[in-house]
Amino acid sequence: MNESFSFLSIPVLIGWLLLPISFFAVAVFSNWTRNPLKLRHCWRISEGLLLATLAITGIVGVLLLLDAWLIDTGLPEQGARLGLYPDALAVWMGVMVAFIGWVILRYARDYLAGDPARETFLPWFLTTLACVLLLVFTDHMLVLAGAWIGVSLALHQLLTLYGDRPEARLAAAQKFIASRLGDVCVITSVLLLWSHYGTFRLPEMIEGGAVVGQSSATLTLASVLLAVAAILKCAQIPFHGWLLRVMEAPTPVSALLHAGVINLGGFLWLRLFPVFEGFTAGHALLLVVGGGTALIAVLTMMTQTSVKHALAWSTISQMGFMLFEIALGAYVLALLHLLAHSLYKAHSFLASGRTVKVSAISFHSGSATGGNIMLAGAGAALATLILWLWPDLVEGKSVLAGLLVLAVTSVIMGIPNGASAKTRALVMTMALMLVPLYGALHAVLGGAFGAHEAMVPPLEASIVAWGILIALALLSALILVASRSRAVRVLQARFSQGLRLEQPFEQITRKLASDALNVPHKTRDHLSGYPATAGERS
């Protein structure tokens, strides 16, 4: 270990550790004080802390690169002493959390000006971010489980900023119930992992796999519980009703939920997959539920006439694709998906006026034209040729190649009717560039998971995955090409409400939540229909 770099690593890591604690401290003070001048200082200090998080996390990333390529900085060893897990995954997630948190906070400062909820927003927003950072930085499973619970409890306070809105309170209570089920799954899985490995420290679990093995009934059950926790956190079918209901929250809260918190189910698996061996029962559950959710949510999104509802279904579908990728062992692709979705959704909500204007084109553009169909076919053929010539771009996995080809095709099919030839050529070129761009980003993000044996899904899993992709491609094409046919109108009517698959879980949580909140029967009956209708009035 180089002494000079070790001397540098220690203060950097201490600063990294103190950042979440600082967020907690500012949150407590801002909740306590009623002095307007001090509250304004708290907002400025919070922005400074988020920028400091960006800077220090960047320094940790540089030290990790030096440790990997040039000289022993002692960063991982020093981090273990402080209960931290300084690796590339933590760096990428820390940068993303700090950047999006800073953007949302800057937006909320003006958006909530003069709003009584402004004083409540800041402390709970900072508490949410602090818990997320703890979840990302820690190497101790009990701290991870505690931070996981803390995130949902703090977010619940943000979702109920407007306590005089019964719809918002009921939706938040339903999410509260779903989150507590996820908490039970996480805590139980952590205890099962401890029972198998004899430690709560994640690095020791990964190293201990070579000694005690990574296959047992205990680990199988832990993988299933972690999969259920991820499914609940990511609002997957049939537990997605609460996400469609919480649209009455202020825009900054919606941005935080859709761009950040909802991704944590995916992060949980990206952090913990090394403790399992190969394709587990948890992977199988993620494949079926995540893939099935992506299929249904995409088709439902295509039938929506409300941009707000389309954004909610978009989040559900993208989380489904992320879990689908994790199930197939495409962890780098899932991380890339997580980061890209976070940035996209933060922009979509914070620039909501522009989002509505742009989205209106696609909602009312009519059926796909013959030119779009031919162009999409040519794009799909070229993308397939590129991936056939360079299979390493998708780790040699045909299902991932199919997913990329589908992405290229969907971008081209989305060209608005009446677009010029120049615009069509530009969009097609940009769509095809997704393939080499993914290859480049895969190379950049690949170090986030270190050296690990690639997980090869069994044949049965590949067949299920291909079935989902083919069904998605055929049904999407049918809706786009023959939108005026009677059969497609019936299909659109069915999917416009997500096939109502949320109803069983929705009815249970709605009854529990309404009884707990003493919601009047009139309001309860009014909310008993399709969940998204409540959000339409926000």
Protein backbone atom coordinates (compact mmCIF):
# COMPACT_ATOMS: atom_id res chain seq x y z
CA MET A 1 0.00 0.00 0.00
CA ASN A 2 1.37 3.43 -0.95
CA GLU A 3 1.49 5.53 2.22
CA SER A 4 0.88 8.87 0.49
CA PHE A 5 -2.22 7.65 -1.31
CA SER A 6 -3.42 5.89 1.85
CA PHE A 7 -3.10 9.20 3.66
CA LEU A 8 -5.30 10.75 0.94
CA SER A 9 -7.84 7.91 0.91
CA ILE A 10 -8.69 8.16 4.61
CA PRO A 11 -9.97 11.79 4.63
CA VAL A 12 -11.81 11.23 1.34
CA LEU A 13 -13.60 8.20 2.74
CA ILE A 14 -14.38 9.99 6.00
CA GLY A 15 -15.91 12.82 3.98
CA TRP A 16 -17.87 10.27 1.98
CA LEU A 17 -19.22 8.79 5.21
CA LEU A 18 -20.05 12.17 6.75
CA LEU A 19 -22.15 13.31 3.80
CA PRO A 20 -25.29 11.24 4.62
CA ILE A 21 -24.87 12.24 8.28
CA SER A 22 -24.73 15.90 7.22
CA PHE A 23 -27.96 15.50 5.28
CA PHE A 24 -29.62 14.08 8.39
CA ALA A 25 -28.30 16.99 10.50
CA VAL A 26 -29.59 19.66 8.10
CA ALA A 27 -32.92 17.83 7.87
CA VAL A 28 -33.33 17.84 11.65
CA PHE A 29 -32.39 21.52 11.95
CA SER A 30 -34.66 22.63 9.08
CA ASN A 31 -37.56 20.73 10.64
CA TRP A 32 -36.90 22.36 14.01
CA THR A 33 -36.33 26.00 13.11
CA ARG A 34 -39.08 28.38 12.05
CA ASN A 35 -36.75 31.26 11.24
CA PRO A 36 -37.22 32.13 7.52
CA LEU A 37 -33.62 33.31 7.17
CA LYS A 38 -32.24 30.09 8.66
CA LEU A 39 -34.54 28.04 6.43
CA ARG A 40 -33.15 29.82 3.37
CA HIS A 41 -29.66 28.98 4.60
CA CYS A 42 -30.70 25.33 4.94
CA TRP A 43 -31.74 25.25 1.27
CA ARG A 44 -28.38 26.73 0.20
CA ILE A 45 -26.43 24.40 2.49
CA SER A 46 -28.34 21.42 1.08
CA GLU A 47 -27.43 22.39 -2.47
CA GLY A 48 -23.80 22.73 -1.38
CA LEU A 49 -23.86 19.30 0.25
CA LEU A 50 -25.18 17.72 -2.93
CA LEU A 51 -22.43 19.37 -4.97
CA ALA A 52 -19.91 18.17 -2.36
CA THR A 53 -21.32 14.65 -2.77
CA LEU A 54 -20.70 14.90 -6.51
CA ALA A 55 -17.14 16.08 -5.96
CA ILE A 56 -16.13 13.59 -3.27
CA THR A 57 -17.76 10.68 -5.09
CA GLY A 58 -15.81 11.71 -8.18
CA ILE A 59 -12.57 11.67 -6.17
CA VAL A 60 -13.42 8.19 -4.89
CA GLY A 61 -13.89 7.13 -8.51
CA VAL A 62 -10.48 8.53 -9.49
CA LEU A 63 -8.82 6.73 -6.58
CA LEU A 64 -10.51 3.49 -7.64
CA LEU A 65 -9.09 3.91 -11.15
CA LEU A 66 -5.62 4.54 -9.73
CA ASP A 67 -5.98 1.51 -7.47
CA ALA A 68 -6.98 -0.69 -10.42
CA TRP A 69 -4.41 0.52 -12.98
CA LEU A 70 -1.42 2.21 -11.36
CA ILE A 71 -0.86 2.01 -7.63
CA ASP A 72 -2.30 0.51 -4.47
CA THR A 73 -4.26 3.33 -2.83
CA GLY A 74 -5.64 1.19 -0.02
CA LEU A 75 -9.12 2.55 -0.73
CA PRO A 76 -11.08 -0.73 -0.47
CA GLU A 77 -9.28 -1.73 2.75
CA GLN A 78 -9.76 1.67 4.36
CA GLY A 79 -13.38 1.71 3.27
CA ALA A 80 -14.02 -1.65 4.95
CA ARG A 81 -12.77 -0.20 8.24
CA LEU A 82 -15.40 2.54 8.00
CA GLY A 83 -18.20 0.22 6.91
CA LEU A 84 -18.12 1.57 3.35
CA TYR A 85 -18.10 -0.29 0.04
CA PRO A 86 -16.14 2.00 -2.33
CA ASP A 87 -16.56 0.33 -5.71
CA ALA A 88 -17.57 1.49 -9.18
CA LEU A 89 -21.25 0.64 -8.63
CA ALA A 90 -21.36 2.89 -5.54
CA VAL A 91 -19.60 5.66 -7.47
CA TRP A 92 -21.99 5.59 -10.43
CA MET A 93 -25.03 5.46 -8.16
CA GLY A 94 -23.65 8.17 -5.85
CA VAL A 95 -23.03 10.53 -8.77
CA MET A 96 -26.51 9.88 -10.15
CA VAL A 97 -28.24 10.39 -6.77
CA ALA A 98 -26.32 13.60 -6.05
CA PHE A 99 -26.87 15.10 -9.50
CA ILE A 100 -30.58 14.33 -9.72
CA GLY A 101 -31.06 15.37 -6.09
CA TRP A 102 -29.37 18.71 -6.79
CA VAL A 103 -31.49 19.31 -9.91
CA ILE A 104 -34.74 18.48 -8.10
CA LEU A 105 -33.81 20.65 -5.10
CA ARG A 106 -33.04 23.64 -7.33
CA TYR A 107 -36.37 23.15 -9.10
CA ALA A 108 -38.31 22.72 -5.84
CA ARG A 109 -36.84 25.90 -4.35
CA ASP A 110 -38.80 28.00 -6.85
CA TYR A 111 -41.65 25.57 -7.54
CA LEU A 112 -42.70 25.47 -3.87
CA ALA A 113 -42.10 29.17 -3.17
CA GLY A 114 -45.03 30.46 -1.12
CA ASP A 115 -46.40 26.92 -0.66
CA PRO A 116 -46.95 25.91 3.01
CA ALA A 117 -45.63 22.44 2.11
CA ARG A 118 -42.20 23.94 1.35
CA GLU A 119 -41.09 23.78 4.99
CA THR A 120 -42.03 20.11 5.25
CA PHE A 121 -40.55 19.17 1.89
CA LEU A 122 -36.91 19.99 2.63
CA PRO A 123 -36.30 17.85 5.75
CA TRP A 124 -38.01 14.77 4.33
CA PHE A 125 -36.36 15.23 0.94
CA LEU A 126 -32.93 15.35 2.62
CA THR A 127 -33.79 12.35 4.79
CA THR A 128 -34.76 10.37 1.69
CA LEU A 129 -31.47 11.25 -0.03
CA ALA A 130 -29.46 10.43 3.10
CA CYS A 131 -31.04 6.98 3.33
CA VAL A 132 -30.45 6.34 -0.38
CA LEU A 133 -26.76 7.29 -0.01
CA LEU A 134 -26.39 5.01 3.01
CA LEU A 135 -27.99 2.19 1.02
CA VAL A 136 -25.52 2.78 -1.82
CA PHE A 137 -22.34 3.30 0.24
CA THR A 138 -22.63 0.66 3.00
CA ASP A 139 -21.06 -2.80 3.04
CA HIS A 140 -23.15 -4.00 6.01
CA MET A 141 -26.39 -5.81 5.30
CA LEU A 142 -28.18 -4.59 8.42
CA VAL A 143 -27.39 -0.97 7.53
CA LEU A 144 -28.58 -1.68 3.98
CA ALA A 145 -31.88 -3.08 5.28
CA GLY A 146 -32.32 -0.13 7.65
CA ALA A 147 -31.63 2.39 4.87
CA TRP A 148 -34.08 0.53 2.59
CA ILE A 149 -36.82 0.95 5.22
CA GLY A 150 -35.81 4.57 5.87
CA VAL A 151 -36.19 5.51 2.21
CA SER A 152 -39.80 4.36 2.02
CA LEU A 153 -40.74 5.93 5.38
CA ALA A 154 -39.28 9.30 4.39
CA LEU A 155 -40.88 9.14 0.93
CA HIS A 156 -44.25 8.47 2.58
CA GLN A 157 -44.01 11.85 4.29
CA LEU A 158 -43.36 13.52 0.92
CA LEU A 159 -46.31 11.78 -0.69
CA THR A 160 -48.59 13.11 2.05
CA LEU A 161 -47.43 16.74 1.91
CA TYR A 162 -51.00 17.76 1.13
CA GLY A 163 -52.87 16.12 3.98
CA ASP A 164 -56.18 17.68 2.93
CA ARG A 165 -56.38 15.55 -0.24
CA PRO A 166 -58.04 12.22 0.60
CA GLU A 167 -57.02 10.69 -2.74
CA ALA A 168 -53.34 11.45 -2.11
CA ARG A 169 -53.51 10.18 1.48
CA LEU A 170 -55.21 6.95 0.41
CA ALA A 171 -52.69 6.31 -2.37
CA ALA A 172 -49.77 6.97 -0.02
CA ALA A 173 -51.28 4.60 2.54
CA GLN A 174 -51.59 1.88 -0.12
CA LYS A 175 -47.94 2.37 -1.04
CA PHE A 176 -47.08 2.25 2.68
CA ILE A 177 -48.65 -1.22 2.92
CA ALA A 178 -46.81 -2.48 -0.15
CA SER A 179 -43.53 -1.05 1.15
CA ARG A 180 -43.90 -2.78 4.50
CA LEU A 181 -44.32 -6.11 2.70
CA GLY A 182 -41.10 -5.35 0.83
CA ASP A 183 -39.37 -4.47 4.10
CA VAL A 184 -40.31 -7.85 5.58
CA CYS A 185 -38.88 -9.58 2.51
CA VAL A 186 -35.60 -7.64 2.71
CA ILE A 187 -35.12 -8.19 6.44
CA THR A 188 -35.90 -11.90 6.16
CA SER A 189 -33.54 -12.33 3.19
CA VAL A 190 -30.74 -10.53 5.07
CA LEU A 191 -31.18 -12.89 8.01
CA LEU A 192 -31.15 -15.89 5.66
CA LEU A 193 -27.93 -14.66 4.04
CA TRP A 194 -26.40 -14.22 7.50
CA SER A 195 -27.53 -17.73 8.42
CA HIS A 196 -25.77 -19.13 5.34
CA TYR A 197 -22.57 -17.08 5.36
CA GLY A 198 -22.20 -16.31 9.06
CA THR A 199 -21.61 -12.58 8.51
CA PHE A 200 -23.52 -9.41 7.73
CA ARG A 201 -20.68 -7.84 5.72
CA LEU A 202 -21.21 -8.09 1.98
CA PRO A 203 -17.50 -8.42 0.96
CA GLU A 204 -17.11 -11.29 3.42
CA MET A 205 -20.21 -12.97 1.97
CA ILE A 206 -18.79 -12.76 -1.54
CA GLU A 207 -15.41 -14.10 -0.42
CA GLY A 208 -17.05 -16.75 1.76
CA GLY A 209 -18.91 -18.19 -1.22
CA ALA A 210 -15.77 -20.08 -2.20
CA VAL A 211 -15.67 -21.72 1.25
CA VAL A 212 -19.29 -22.39 2.25
CA GLY A 213 -20.70 -22.53 -1.28
CA GLN A 214 -23.32 -20.41 -3.03
CA SER A 215 -26.07 -22.98 -3.36
CA SER A 216 -28.53 -24.07 -0.70
CA ALA A 217 -32.22 -24.00 0.13
CA THR A 218 -31.54 -20.99 2.36
CA LEU A 219 -30.02 -19.00 -0.50
CA THR A 220 -32.83 -20.05 -2.83
CA LEU A 221 -35.43 -18.69 -0.42
CA ALA A 222 -33.36 -15.51 0.07
CA SER A 223 -33.26 -14.97 -3.71
CA VAL A 224 -37.04 -15.33 -3.97
CA LEU A 225 -37.62 -12.85 -1.13
CA LEU A 226 -35.21 -10.35 -2.69
CA ALA A 227 -37.04 -10.75 -5.99
CA VAL A 228 -40.40 -10.05 -4.31
CA ALA A 229 -38.91 -6.99 -2.58
CA ALA A 230 -37.62 -5.68 -5.92
CA ILE A 231 -40.98 -6.34 -7.60
CA LEU A 232 -42.83 -4.41 -4.90
CA LYS A 233 -40.36 -1.49 -4.92
CA CYS A 234 -40.40 -1.27 -8.73
CA ALA A 235 -44.23 -1.25 -8.90
CA GLN A 236 -44.49 -4.36 -11.00
CA ILE A 237 -47.77 -6.06 -11.91
CA PRO A 238 -49.91 -6.88 -9.94
CA PHE A 239 -48.57 -4.49 -7.25
CA HIS A 240 -48.46 -1.38 -9.46
CA GLY A 241 -51.74 0.29 -8.53
CA TRP A 242 -50.19 2.64 -5.96
CA LEU A 243 -47.86 4.21 -8.54
CA LEU A 244 -50.82 5.16 -10.73
CA ARG A 245 -52.53 6.76 -7.73
CA VAL A 246 -49.72 8.92 -6.34
CA MET A 247 -49.78 11.38 -9.25
CA GLU A 248 -51.24 14.08 -6.98
CA ALA A 249 -47.88 14.58 -5.26
CA PRO A 250 -46.01 17.81 -6.12
CA THR A 251 -43.87 17.63 -9.26
CA PRO A 252 -40.52 17.49 -7.35
CA VAL A 253 -41.79 14.52 -5.34
CA SER A 254 -42.97 12.74 -8.49
CA ALA A 255 -39.57 13.35 -10.07
CA LEU A 256 -37.81 11.94 -6.99
CA LEU A 257 -40.04 8.86 -7.00
CA HIS A 258 -39.92 8.07 -10.71
CA ALA A 259 -36.30 9.08 -11.31
CA GLY A 260 -34.76 7.69 -8.14
CA VAL A 261 -36.54 5.75 -5.43
CA ILE A 262 -38.36 3.32 -7.69
CA ASN A 263 -35.00 2.19 -9.15
CA LEU A 264 -33.80 0.82 -5.81
CA GLY A 265 -35.28 -2.62 -6.44
CA GLY A 266 -32.90 -2.97 -9.37
CA PHE A 267 -29.96 -1.61 -7.37
CA LEU A 268 -30.62 -4.15 -4.62
CA TRP A 269 -30.04 -6.97 -7.09
CA LEU A 270 -27.08 -5.29 -8.77
CA ARG A 271 -25.46 -5.07 -5.35
CA LEU A 272 -26.31 -8.55 -4.09
CA PHE A 273 -26.18 -10.83 -7.14
CA PRO A 274 -22.57 -11.97 -6.38
CA VAL A 275 -23.78 -13.81 -3.26
CA PHE A 276 -25.79 -16.19 -5.45
CA GLU A 277 -24.57 -18.75 -7.93
CA GLY A 278 -25.94 -18.82 -11.46
CA PHE A 279 -29.62 -18.64 -12.32
CA THR A 280 -31.66 -18.78 -9.11
CA ALA A 281 -35.36 -19.04 -8.36
CA GLY A 282 -35.23 -15.30 -7.73
CA HIS A 283 -33.91 -14.74 -11.26
CA ALA A 284 -36.76 -16.84 -12.64
CA LEU A 285 -39.33 -14.76 -10.73
CA LEU A 286 -37.80 -11.51 -12.01
CA LEU A 287 -37.82 -12.88 -15.56
CA VAL A 288 -41.51 -13.79 -15.53
CA VAL A 289 -42.84 -10.81 -13.58
CA GLY A 290 -40.45 -8.19 -15.01
CA GLY A 291 -40.84 -9.41 -18.58
CA GLY A 292 -44.60 -9.81 -18.27
CA THR A 293 -44.91 -6.34 -16.73
CA ALA A 294 -42.81 -4.80 -19.51
CA LEU A 295 -45.03 -6.43 -22.14
CA ILE A 296 -48.33 -5.32 -20.60
CA ALA A 297 -47.12 -1.87 -19.53
CA VAL A 298 -45.76 -0.98 -22.98
CA LEU A 299 -49.01 -1.96 -24.66
CA THR A 300 -51.01 -0.09 -22.02
CA MET A 301 -48.82 3.00 -22.44
CA MET A 302 -49.49 2.93 -26.20
CA THR A 303 -53.26 3.15 -25.58
CA GLN A 304 -53.17 6.12 -23.19
CA THR A 305 -54.53 9.52 -24.20
CA SER A 306 -53.19 11.24 -21.07
CA VAL A 307 -49.49 12.12 -20.94
CA LYS A 308 -49.54 11.79 -17.15
CA HIS A 309 -50.82 8.24 -17.28
CA ALA A 310 -48.40 7.39 -20.09
CA LEU A 311 -45.47 8.58 -17.94
CA ALA A 312 -46.59 6.35 -15.06
CA TRP A 313 -46.95 3.32 -17.33
CA SER A 314 -43.60 4.20 -18.91
CA THR A 315 -41.94 3.96 -15.50
CA ILE A 316 -43.59 0.61 -14.81
CA SER A 317 -42.48 -0.77 -18.18
CA GLN A 318 -38.89 0.48 -17.86
CA MET A 319 -38.58 -1.05 -14.40
CA GLY A 320 -39.90 -4.28 -15.89
CA PHE A 321 -37.22 -4.22 -18.59
CA MET A 322 -34.54 -3.53 -15.96
CA LEU A 323 -35.58 -6.54 -13.86
CA PHE A 324 -35.89 -8.61 -17.06
CA GLU A 325 -32.25 -7.77 -17.89
CA ILE A 326 -31.09 -8.62 -14.37
CA ALA A 327 -32.85 -11.99 -14.64
CA LEU A 328 -30.84 -12.76 -17.79
CA GLY A 329 -27.56 -11.82 -16.11
CA ALA A 330 -27.15 -8.61 -18.16
CA TYR A 331 -26.11 -6.63 -15.10
CA VAL A 332 -24.19 -3.95 -16.99
CA LEU A 333 -27.15 -3.34 -19.31
CA ALA A 334 -29.45 -3.13 -16.27
CA LEU A 335 -27.17 -0.53 -14.62
CA LEU A 336 -27.09 1.48 -17.85
CA HIS A 337 -30.88 1.21 -18.05
CA LEU A 338 -31.19 2.40 -14.44
CA LEU A 339 -28.98 5.45 -14.95
CA ALA A 340 -30.54 6.43 -18.29
CA HIS A 341 -34.08 6.03 -16.98
CA SER A 342 -33.30 8.18 -13.93
CA LEU A 343 -32.03 11.05 -16.07
CA TYR A 344 -34.86 10.73 -18.58
CA LYS A 345 -37.63 10.63 -15.97
CA ALA A 346 -36.20 13.54 -13.97
CA HIS A 347 -36.24 15.62 -17.15
CA SER A 348 -39.72 14.40 -18.13
CA PHE A 349 -41.29 15.52 -14.85
CA LEU A 350 -39.32 18.71 -14.28
CA ALA A 351 -39.86 19.82 -17.90
CA SER A 352 -43.47 18.64 -17.86
CA GLY A 353 -44.76 21.42 -20.12
CA ARG A 354 -42.39 20.46 -22.91
CA THR A 355 -43.08 16.77 -22.28
CA VAL A 356 -46.83 17.33 -22.80
CA LYS A 357 -46.21 19.29 -26.00
CA VAL A 358 -43.87 16.69 -27.50
CA SER A 359 -45.93 13.72 -26.36
CA ALA A 360 -49.10 15.17 -27.90
CA ILE A 361 -47.58 14.54 -31.32
CA SER A 362 -47.25 10.81 -30.72
CA PHE A 363 -50.64 10.50 -29.04
CA HIS A 364 -52.54 11.99 -31.96
CA SER A 365 -50.35 11.13 -34.94
CA GLY A 366 -52.53 8.20 -36.06
CA SER A 367 -51.41 4.89 -37.51
CA ALA A 368 -47.85 4.20 -38.58
CA THR A 369 -47.21 5.03 -42.23
CA GLY A 370 -45.90 2.62 -44.83
CA GLY A 371 -42.71 4.66 -45.00
CA ASN A 372 -42.11 4.25 -41.28
CA ILE A 373 -42.71 0.50 -41.53
CA MET A 374 -40.21 0.09 -44.37
CA LEU A 375 -37.67 2.31 -42.63
CA ALA A 376 -38.09 0.39 -39.36
CA GLY A 377 -37.60 -2.91 -41.19
CA ALA A 378 -34.41 -1.63 -42.79
CA GLY A 379 -33.18 -0.35 -39.42
CA ALA A 380 -33.90 -3.68 -37.75
CA ALA A 381 -32.01 -5.52 -40.49
CA LEU A 382 -28.97 -3.24 -40.18
CA ALA A 383 -28.97 -3.50 -36.37
CA THR A 384 -29.18 -7.29 -36.64
CA LEU A 385 -26.25 -7.31 -39.07
CA ILE A 386 -24.13 -5.17 -36.71
CA LEU A 387 -24.84 -7.47 -33.78
CA TRP A 388 -24.19 -10.59 -35.88
CA LEU A 389 -20.79 -9.21 -36.88
CA TRP A 390 -19.95 -8.04 -33.32
CA PRO A 391 -21.73 -10.40 -30.89
CA ASP A 392 -19.46 -9.26 -28.03
CA LEU A 393 -21.52 -6.05 -27.90
CA VAL A 394 -24.24 -8.08 -26.17
CA GLU A 395 -21.99 -10.64 -24.44
CA GLY A 396 -23.00 -13.20 -27.05
CA LYS A 397 -26.58 -13.34 -25.70
CA SER A 398 -29.14 -13.50 -28.47
CA VAL A 399 -31.98 -12.26 -26.25
CA LEU A 400 -30.11 -9.03 -25.52
CA ALA A 401 -29.49 -8.64 -29.25
CA GLY A 402 -33.23 -8.99 -29.81
CA LEU A 403 -33.89 -6.37 -27.14
CA LEU A 404 -31.54 -3.88 -28.81
CA VAL A 405 -33.03 -4.53 -32.25
CA LEU A 406 -36.50 -3.95 -30.77
CA ALA A 407 -35.29 -0.66 -29.26
CA VAL A 408 -33.92 0.51 -32.61
CA THR A 409 -37.15 -0.45 -34.37
CA SER A 410 -39.37 1.33 -31.83
CA VAL A 411 -37.38 4.57 -32.17
CA ILE A 412 -37.83 4.56 -35.95
CA MET A 413 -41.52 3.65 -35.75
CA GLY A 414 -42.00 6.65 -33.47
CA ILE A 415 -41.14 9.16 -36.20
CA PRO A 416 -44.13 11.58 -36.43
CA ASN A 417 -46.28 11.47 -39.55
CA GLY A 418 -45.35 14.21 -41.99
CA ALA A 419 -41.69 14.33 -40.97
CA SER A 420 -39.29 15.35 -43.73
CA ALA A 421 -36.94 12.91 -45.44
CA LYS A 422 -34.01 14.63 -43.72
CA THR A 423 -35.62 14.12 -40.30
CA ARG A 424 -36.35 10.46 -41.04
CA ALA A 425 -32.77 9.85 -42.12
CA LEU A 426 -31.45 11.60 -39.01
CA VAL A 427 -33.69 9.61 -36.65
CA MET A 428 -32.76 6.33 -38.34
CA THR A 429 -29.05 7.13 -38.04
CA MET A 430 -29.45 8.04 -34.37
CA ALA A 431 -31.44 4.84 -33.76
CA LEU A 432 -28.71 2.69 -35.35
CA MET A 433 -26.10 4.51 -33.27
CA LEU A 434 -27.77 3.03 -30.18
CA VAL A 435 -25.99 -0.25 -30.91
CA PRO A 436 -22.36 0.97 -30.91
CA LEU A 437 -23.24 3.49 -28.19
CA TYR A 438 -24.41 0.63 -26.00
CA GLY A 439 -21.15 -1.19 -26.71
CA ALA A 440 -19.12 1.86 -25.66
CA LEU A 441 -21.15 2.45 -22.51
CA HIS A 442 -20.95 -1.26 -21.69
CA ALA A 443 -17.16 -0.97 -21.77
CA VAL A 444 -17.25 2.09 -19.50
CA LEU A 445 -19.70 0.64 -16.97
CA GLY A 446 -18.41 -2.93 -17.12
CA GLY A 447 -15.93 -2.28 -14.31
CA ALA A 448 -18.80 -1.58 -11.91
CA PHE A 449 -19.09 -5.30 -11.18
CA GLY A 450 -15.45 -6.33 -11.22
CA ALA A 451 -14.42 -9.77 -12.31
CA HIS A 452 -17.26 -12.26 -11.94
CA GLU A 453 -18.31 -15.34 -13.81
CA ALA A 454 -20.93 -14.53 -16.43
CA MET A 455 -24.33 -15.97 -15.59
CA VAL A 456 -25.73 -18.06 -18.45
CA PRO A 457 -29.51 -18.47 -18.16
CA PRO A 458 -30.90 -21.95 -18.85
CA LEU A 459 -32.60 -22.79 -22.13
CA GLU A 460 -36.06 -22.55 -20.56
CA ALA A 461 -35.37 -18.98 -19.43
CA SER A 462 -34.16 -18.00 -22.91
CA ILE A 463 -37.32 -19.46 -24.45
CA VAL A 464 -39.52 -17.47 -22.06
CA ALA A 465 -37.52 -14.30 -22.74
CA TRP A 466 -37.79 -14.72 -26.51
CA GLY A 467 -41.51 -15.39 -26.18
CA ILE A 468 -41.98 -12.10 -24.32
CA LEU A 469 -39.96 -10.13 -26.89
CA ILE A 470 -41.77 -11.66 -29.87
CA ALA A 471 -45.20 -11.06 -28.30
CA LEU A 472 -44.23 -7.45 -27.56
CA ALA A 473 -43.00 -6.88 -31.12
CA LEU A 474 -46.08 -8.44 -32.77
CA LEU A 475 -48.69 -6.77 -30.56
CA SER A 476 -46.98 -3.38 -30.74
CA ALA A 477 -46.80 -3.63 -34.53
CA LEU A 478 -50.47 -4.59 -34.67
CA ILE A 479 -51.52 -1.54 -32.64
CA LEU A 480 -49.36 0.80 -34.73
CA VAL A 481 -50.21 -0.59 -38.15
CA ALA A 482 -53.91 -1.46 -37.81
CA SER A 483 -55.08 0.96 -35.13
CA ARG A 484 -58.45 1.50 -36.84
CA SER A 485 -59.43 -2.16 -37.16
CA ARG A 486 -62.15 -3.55 -34.90
CA ALA A 487 -59.87 -6.20 -33.40
CA VAL A 488 -57.24 -3.62 -32.45
CA ARG A 489 -59.87 -1.30 -30.96
CA VAL A 490 -60.99 -4.16 -28.73
CA LEU A 491 -57.36 -4.85 -27.82
CA GLN A 492 -56.78 -1.17 -27.01
CA ALA A 493 -59.87 -1.08 -24.83
CA ARG A 494 -58.61 -4.06 -22.86
CA PHE A 495 -55.11 -2.64 -22.42
CA SER A 496 -56.19 0.95 -21.76
CA GLN A 497 -56.72 -0.02 -18.13
CA GLY A 498 -53.79 -2.42 -17.85
CA LEU A 499 -56.11 -5.45 -18.06
CA ARG A 500 -57.13 -4.47 -14.51
CA LEU A 501 -54.51 -6.83 -13.14
CA GLU A 502 -54.00 -4.60 -10.12
CA GLN A 503 -57.52 -5.23 -8.81
CA PRO A 504 -56.96 -8.11 -6.32
CA PHE A 505 -54.04 -6.44 -4.52
CA GLU A 506 -55.64 -3.03 -5.00
CA GLN A 507 -58.86 -4.05 -3.28
CA ILE A 508 -57.02 -5.48 -0.27
CA THR A 509 -54.73 -2.47 0.22
CA ARG A 510 -57.53 0.02 -0.47
CA LYS A 511 -59.72 -1.53 2.22
CA LEU A 512 -56.87 -1.61 4.75
CA ALA A 513 -55.79 1.94 3.90
CA SER A 514 -59.30 3.42 3.89
CA ASP A 515 -60.16 1.78 7.21
CA ALA A 516 -56.92 3.05 8.76
CA LEU A 517 -57.49 6.59 7.49
CA ASN A 518 -61.26 6.60 8.12
CA VAL A 519 -61.86 7.68 4.52
CA PRO A 520 -65.56 8.50 3.96
CA HIS A 521 -67.48 5.90 2.01
CA LYS A 522 -68.24 8.45 -0.71
CA THR A 523 -64.54 8.99 -1.38
CA ARG A 524 -63.83 5.30 -1.07
CA ASP A 525 -66.42 4.44 -3.68
CA HIS A 526 -65.19 7.23 -5.93
CA LEU A 527 -61.70 5.73 -5.89
CA SER A 528 -62.80 2.17 -6.49
CA GLY A 529 -62.44 2.41 -10.25
CA TYR A 530 -59.35 2.47 -12.38
CA PRO A 531 -56.51 3.77 -10.18
CA ALA A 532 -55.20 6.39 -12.55
CA THR A 533 -58.41 8.41 -12.54
CA ALA A 534 -57.61 10.03 -9.22
CA GLY A 535 -54.33 11.38 -10.54
CA GLU A 536 -56.02 12.95 -13.53
CA ARG A 537 -57.30 15.81 -11.39
CA SER A 538 -53.92 16.82 -9.93
